[in-house]
Amino acid sequence: MKVKLISSDGIYFEIDKHLAIQSKTLNLFFNTHPAFIEQGNQSVMLPIKSKYLRRVIEYLEYKITSQDKKSFEEFKVSDEETVDLLDAAAYLRL
């Protein structure tokens, strides 16, 4: 099943639900919040700019694919994006 994440600047990202629910915040929205369940709503607007939401999605994919590996590549983050990604990670409870 796919879900849509909508950035604060209006960009839509359609990702697999199993990726999205790695975030405790998104898991609450999609699996326990009555408005989402009753209406079958599979999209959520987030207070995160698209360039950082894209990086969060890359991290979620990285996290899933590297779980089964004994050695894995480091997930690189530039100095310029560190603070904004930390804010996004805190909001999404990653």
C-alpha atoms as a PDB file:
ATOM      1  CA  MET A   1       0.000   0.000   0.000  1.00  0.00           C
ATOM      2  CA  LYS A   2       1.225   3.474  -0.860  1.00  0.00           C
ATOM      3  CA  VAL A   3       0.831   6.632   1.212  1.00  0.00           C
ATOM      4  CA  LYS A   4       1.407  10.268   0.248  1.00  0.00           C
ATOM      5  CA  LEU A   5       3.588  12.609   2.230  1.00  0.00           C
ATOM      6  CA  ILE A   6       3.062  16.259   1.342  1.00  0.00           C
ATOM      7  CA  SER A   7       5.878  18.682   2.083  1.00  0.00           C
ATOM      8  CA  SER A   8       5.333  22.175   3.451  1.00  0.00           C
ATOM      9  CA  ASP A   9       6.059  23.549  -0.030  1.00  0.00           C
ATOM     10  CA  GLY A  10       3.356  21.363  -1.597  1.00  0.00           C
ATOM     11  CA  ILE A  11       5.445  18.571  -3.141  1.00  0.00           C
ATOM     12  CA  TYR A  12       3.886  15.084  -3.002  1.00  0.00           C
ATOM     13  CA  PHE A  13       5.950  11.997  -2.249  1.00  0.00           C
ATOM     14  CA  GLU A  14       4.277   8.623  -2.697  1.00  0.00           C
ATOM     15  CA  ILE A  15       6.040   5.895  -0.728  1.00  0.00           C
ATOM     16  CA  ASP A  16       5.303   2.423   0.572  1.00  0.00           C
ATOM     17  CA  LYS A  17       3.465   2.463   3.872  1.00  0.00           C
ATOM     18  CA  HIS A  18       6.001   0.072   5.431  1.00  0.00           C
ATOM     19  CA  LEU A  19       8.634   2.784   4.917  1.00  0.00           C
ATOM     20  CA  ALA A  20       6.464   5.559   6.338  1.00  0.00           C
ATOM     21  CA  ILE A  21       5.582   3.713   9.527  1.00  0.00           C
ATOM     22  CA  GLN A  22       9.257   3.523  10.484  1.00  0.00           C
ATOM     23  CA  SER A  23       8.465   7.014  11.781  1.00  0.00           C
ATOM     24  CA  LYS A  24       6.578   6.860  15.076  1.00  0.00           C
ATOM     25  CA  THR A  25       4.679  10.029  14.114  1.00  0.00           C
ATOM     26  CA  LEU A  26       3.562   8.684  10.726  1.00  0.00           C
ATOM     27  CA  ASN A  27       2.730   5.324  12.270  1.00  0.00           C
ATOM     28  CA  LEU A  28       0.335   7.111  14.632  1.00  0.00           C
ATOM     29  CA  PHE A  29      -1.253   9.015  11.741  1.00  0.00           C
ATOM     30  CA  PHE A  30      -1.729   6.061   9.425  1.00  0.00           C
ATOM     31  CA  ASN A  31      -2.468   3.263  11.910  1.00  0.00           C
ATOM     32  CA  THR A  32      -4.127   4.753  14.981  1.00  0.00           C
ATOM     33  CA  HIS A  33      -5.523   8.225  14.250  1.00  0.00           C
ATOM     34  CA  PRO A  34      -9.334   7.856  13.838  1.00  0.00           C
ATOM     35  CA  ALA A  35      -9.648  10.490  11.089  1.00  0.00           C
ATOM     36  CA  PHE A  36      -7.134   8.662   8.905  1.00  0.00           C
ATOM     37  CA  ILE A  37      -8.637   5.216   9.518  1.00  0.00           C
ATOM     38  CA  GLU A  38     -12.320   6.163   9.161  1.00  0.00           C
ATOM     39  CA  GLN A  39     -11.843   8.195   5.993  1.00  0.00           C
ATOM     40  CA  GLY A  40      -9.257   5.861   4.507  1.00  0.00           C
ATOM     41  CA  ASN A  41      -7.025   8.917   4.202  1.00  0.00           C
ATOM     42  CA  GLN A  42      -3.580   7.834   3.104  1.00  0.00           C
ATOM     43  CA  SER A  43      -1.949  11.253   2.811  1.00  0.00           C
ATOM     44  CA  VAL A  44      -0.563  13.682   5.339  1.00  0.00           C
ATOM     45  CA  MET A  45       0.823  17.215   5.090  1.00  0.00           C
ATOM     46  CA  LEU A  46       4.053  17.693   6.990  1.00  0.00           C
ATOM     47  CA  PRO A  47       5.843  20.852   8.184  1.00  0.00           C
ATOM     48  CA  ILE A  48       9.013  19.762   6.373  1.00  0.00           C
ATOM     49  CA  LYS A  49      10.403  21.290   3.165  1.00  0.00           C
ATOM     50  CA  SER A  50      10.579  18.948   0.174  1.00  0.00           C
ATOM     51  CA  LYS A  51      14.376  18.864  -0.019  1.00  0.00           C
ATOM     52  CA  TYR A  52      14.544  17.596   3.569  1.00  0.00           C
ATOM     53  CA  LEU A  53      11.550  15.280   3.244  1.00  0.00           C
ATOM     54  CA  ARG A  54      13.274  13.716   0.222  1.00  0.00           C
ATOM     55  CA  ARG A  55      16.358  13.091   2.385  1.00  0.00           C
ATOM     56  CA  VAL A  56      14.215  11.607   5.168  1.00  0.00           C
ATOM     57  CA  ILE A  57      12.689   9.186   2.648  1.00  0.00           C
ATOM     58  CA  GLU A  58      16.191   8.283   1.431  1.00  0.00           C
ATOM     59  CA  TYR A  59      17.144   7.584   5.046  1.00  0.00           C
ATOM     60  CA  LEU A  60      14.080   5.370   5.590  1.00  0.00           C
ATOM     61  CA  GLU A  61      14.993   3.360   2.476  1.00  0.00           C
ATOM     62  CA  TYR A  62      18.601   3.165   3.666  1.00  0.00           C
ATOM     63  CA  LYS A  63      17.502   2.005   7.110  1.00  0.00           C
ATOM     64  CA  ILE A  64      15.362  -0.818   5.686  1.00  0.00           C
ATOM     65  CA  THR A  65      17.963  -2.022   3.176  1.00  0.00           C
ATOM     66  CA  SER A  66      20.894  -1.945   5.597  1.00  0.00           C
ATOM     67  CA  GLN A  67      19.148  -3.793   8.455  1.00  0.00           C
ATOM     68  CA  ASP A  68      20.079  -7.206   7.102  1.00  0.00           C
ATOM     69  CA  LYS A  69      23.653  -6.356   6.176  1.00  0.00           C
ATOM     70  CA  LYS A  70      26.602  -6.928   8.484  1.00  0.00           C
ATOM     71  CA  SER A  71      28.476  -3.988   6.995  1.00  0.00           C
ATOM     72  CA  PHE A  72      26.830  -1.030   5.365  1.00  0.00           C
ATOM     73  CA  GLU A  73      27.649   2.316   3.852  1.00  0.00           C
ATOM     74  CA  GLU A  74      27.427   5.385   6.025  1.00  0.00           C
ATOM     75  CA  PHE A  75      24.389   7.604   5.403  1.00  0.00           C
ATOM     76  CA  LYS A  76      26.030  10.898   4.499  1.00  0.00           C
ATOM     77  CA  VAL A  77      24.590  14.244   5.575  1.00  0.00           C
ATOM     78  CA  SER A  78      26.115  17.582   4.616  1.00  0.00           C
ATOM     79  CA  ASP A  79      26.842  20.211   7.241  1.00  0.00           C
ATOM     80  CA  GLU A  80      24.331  22.589   5.622  1.00  0.00           C
ATOM     81  CA  GLU A  81      21.402  20.197   6.040  1.00  0.00           C
ATOM     82  CA  THR A  82      22.237  18.787   9.479  1.00  0.00           C
ATOM     83  CA  VAL A  83      20.081  21.093  11.622  1.00  0.00           C
ATOM     84  CA  ASP A  84      17.039  20.898   9.332  1.00  0.00           C
ATOM     85  CA  LEU A  85      17.295  17.102   9.118  1.00  0.00           C
ATOM     86  CA  LEU A  86      17.589  16.862  12.900  1.00  0.00           C
ATOM     87  CA  ASP A  87      14.416  18.960  13.211  1.00  0.00           C
ATOM     88  CA  ALA A  88      12.628  16.717  10.700  1.00  0.00           C
ATOM     89  CA  ALA A  89      13.835  13.566  12.477  1.00  0.00           C
ATOM     90  CA  ALA A  90      12.652  14.920  15.827  1.00  0.00           C
ATOM     91  CA  TYR A  91       9.207  15.784  14.428  1.00  0.00           C
ATOM     92  CA  LEU A  92       8.876  12.374  12.771  1.00  0.00           C
ATOM     93  CA  ARG A  93      10.362  10.607  15.811  1.00  0.00           C
ATOM     94  CA  LEU A  94      12.912   8.597  13.881  1.00  0.00           C
END
